[in-house]
Structures are given as C-alpha cells and as structure tokens.
Amino acid sequence: QAHLVESGGGLVQAGGSLRLSCAASGRTFSSSGMAWFRQAPEKEREVVAAITWNSGTIYYADSVKGRFTISRDNAKNTMYLQMNSLTPEDTAVYYCAADLNRPNLGVTSSRVGAYSYWGQGTQVTVSS
C-alpha cells in the first residue's frame, strides 16, 4: 500500500521558517512527479511548488517564489519544502502529492487532477 505522509508543520511566527517533509512508503516514487499544495479555510487547493522525477524542472507559485524551495531525495523516497520568510498568508494545510500515472515526465503540473496520490496534510500556522 502506497502512502505519502507529511510532517514538519506547526506554529511559527511571521518571518520564521519551517521545513516540511513528505515521506513516501509502500513503493518507490522515484519516477513520479511530485508537488506541494496548500489549502486555506474556505479557499481552493492551490499548488505551491512542483518538481519532476529527476528534479530537472521545478515550478513555484508566484506567491512563494524566492521564499520556498522544493527538493527531493529519491534515494530516501522523500520530498521537502523549505519555507522561509513565512507570513500569515502562508497559513494553510499543506499536502504532498505524487503523479504515479505518468512516470519520468519531464514537465511539472500545477493541476490537482494530475496527481493520483495525496498525503493527509500537515497544518502550517503563521502568527503575526
């Protein structure tokens, strides 16, 4: 059974940093594009960053560009999101996702529908 489990969320003051991890288990995700999404209350789920299977292509939402860094370690079957200079607008549940249907895809996708596996989410709260 394949699983994605996010960790690293919590409460942080504005200007602070957090590093989220997404640990995959049950199978390898080394050939899968992956992404971080977030969803704030009463908001639609939006992409934060996406990364191809070999880290060859990376996408960032404009709202996080320059502050967040997505990375992955395929040997560890883990994806990361380093979040710096956090603001209250970053408060949301953060989800990791993987596209297991299109292995070795060379482009990222920012669409929710592109991802077939999702973690349960981890809460990030940024206080002012």
Protein backbone atom coordinates (compact mmCIF):
# COMPACT_ATOMS: atom_id res chain seq x y z
CA GLN A 1 0.00 0.00 0.00
CA ALA A 2 1.47 3.30 -1.09
CA HIS A 3 1.37 6.18 1.33
CA LEU A 4 2.51 9.77 1.47
CA VAL A 5 2.93 11.28 4.91
CA GLU A 6 3.66 14.94 5.52
CA SER A 7 5.47 16.19 8.57
CA GLY A 8 7.14 19.34 9.82
CA GLY A 9 4.15 21.60 10.09
CA GLY A 10 3.40 23.65 13.14
CA LEU A 11 3.07 27.13 14.53
CA VAL A 12 5.69 29.71 13.61
CA GLN A 13 5.95 33.47 13.88
CA ALA A 14 5.95 35.66 10.81
CA GLY A 15 9.41 35.81 9.33
CA GLY A 16 10.26 32.36 10.56
CA SER A 17 10.99 29.16 8.71
CA LEU A 18 9.73 25.62 8.54
CA ARG A 19 10.81 22.60 6.58
CA LEU A 20 8.13 20.17 5.51
CA SER A 21 8.88 16.60 4.62
CA CYS A 22 6.84 14.16 2.59
CA ALA A 23 7.84 10.59 3.21
CA ALA A 24 6.68 8.00 0.72
CA SER A 25 6.31 4.38 1.63
CA GLY A 26 4.93 1.20 0.19
CA ARG A 27 6.55 1.75 -3.18
CA THR A 28 9.15 3.89 -4.83
CA PHE A 29 8.14 7.32 -6.07
CA SER A 30 11.45 7.91 -7.78
CA SER A 31 9.89 8.05 -11.25
CA SER A 32 6.98 10.24 -10.23
CA GLY A 33 6.47 13.94 -10.49
CA MET A 34 5.56 15.40 -7.13
CA ALA A 35 4.19 18.62 -5.78
CA TRP A 36 3.24 20.55 -2.70
CA PHE A 37 -0.24 22.02 -2.50
CA ARG A 38 -1.89 24.04 0.22
CA GLN A 39 -5.43 24.82 1.17
CA ALA A 40 -6.54 27.57 3.49
CA PRO A 41 -10.02 27.59 5.04
CA GLU A 42 -12.69 28.46 2.51
CA LYS A 43 -10.09 28.56 -0.24
CA GLU A 44 -9.48 26.18 -3.08
CA ARG A 45 -6.45 23.96 -3.06
CA GLU A 46 -3.56 25.62 -4.85
CA VAL A 47 -0.18 24.47 -5.99
CA VAL A 48 2.80 25.74 -4.05
CA ALA A 49 5.63 24.06 -5.90
CA ALA A 50 6.14 21.10 -8.19
CA ILE A 51 9.14 19.02 -9.14
CA THR A 52 9.80 16.43 -11.80
CA TRP A 53 11.03 12.95 -11.05
CA ASN A 54 14.70 13.84 -11.53
CA SER A 55 14.44 17.43 -10.25
CA GLY A 56 15.07 18.58 -13.79
CA THR A 57 12.18 21.01 -13.78
CA ILE A 58 10.82 22.95 -10.83
CA TYR A 59 7.81 25.22 -10.61
CA TYR A 60 6.90 27.73 -7.91
CA ALA A 61 3.73 29.66 -7.44
CA ASP A 62 4.33 33.39 -7.68
CA SER A 63 3.25 33.81 -4.08
CA VAL A 64 6.14 31.71 -2.77
CA LYS A 65 8.83 32.29 -5.35
CA GLY A 66 12.05 33.36 -3.71
CA ARG A 67 10.92 32.19 -0.28
CA PHE A 68 10.23 28.48 -0.67
CA THR A 69 12.45 25.75 -2.03
CA ILE A 70 11.22 22.36 -3.16
CA SER A 71 13.59 19.43 -3.33
CA ARG A 72 13.55 15.68 -3.31
CA ASP A 73 15.83 12.83 -2.39
CA ASN A 74 14.82 9.83 -4.43
CA ALA A 75 17.18 7.56 -2.53
CA LYS A 76 15.21 8.38 0.60
CA ASN A 77 11.86 8.42 -1.19
CA THR A 78 11.25 11.82 0.36
CA MET A 79 10.30 15.28 -0.84
CA TYR A 80 10.90 18.50 1.06
CA LEU A 81 9.63 22.04 1.15
CA GLN A 82 11.84 24.60 2.82
CA MET A 83 9.73 27.62 3.73
CA ASN A 84 11.42 30.86 4.69
CA SER A 85 10.16 34.36 5.43
CA LEU A 86 6.77 32.99 6.31
CA THR A 87 3.78 35.29 6.50
CA PRO A 88 0.26 34.77 7.86
CA GLU A 89 -0.89 34.37 4.26
CA ASP A 90 1.04 31.11 4.17
CA THR A 91 -1.24 29.62 6.82
CA ALA A 92 -2.87 26.53 5.36
CA VAL A 93 -2.91 22.78 5.36
CA TYR A 94 -0.04 21.65 3.19
CA TYR A 95 -0.36 18.48 1.15
CA CYS A 96 2.16 16.49 -0.78
CA ALA A 97 1.09 14.74 -3.94
CA ALA A 98 2.55 12.35 -6.47
CA ASP A 99 1.72 11.52 -10.06
CA LEU A 100 2.12 7.78 -10.41
CA ASN A 101 0.38 7.61 -13.78
CA ARG A 102 2.99 9.38 -15.87
CA PRO A 103 6.45 8.10 -14.96
CA ASN A 104 9.52 10.05 -15.95
CA LEU A 105 7.51 13.04 -17.07
CA GLY A 106 9.79 15.93 -17.96
CA VAL A 107 7.40 18.73 -17.13
CA THR A 108 5.68 19.79 -13.93
CA SER A 109 1.97 20.09 -13.45
CA SER A 110 0.19 22.57 -11.23
CA ARG A 111 -3.18 20.88 -11.60
CA VAL A 112 -4.73 18.98 -8.73
CA GLY A 113 -6.09 16.44 -11.18
CA ALA A 114 -2.62 15.48 -12.34
CA TYR A 115 -1.79 13.86 -9.02
CA SER A 116 -3.14 10.48 -8.05
CA TYR A 117 -1.62 10.08 -4.58
CA TRP A 118 -2.03 12.52 -1.72
CA GLY A 119 -0.91 12.76 1.83
CA GLN A 120 -3.25 13.64 4.66
CA GLY A 121 -1.84 17.12 5.06
CA THR A 122 0.07 18.98 7.74
CA GLN A 123 -1.07 22.23 9.29
CA VAL A 124 1.13 25.29 8.96
CA THR A 125 0.09 28.29 11.01
CA VAL A 126 1.98 31.57 10.81
CA SER A 127 1.21 34.07 13.51
CA SER A 128 1.65 37.81 13.23
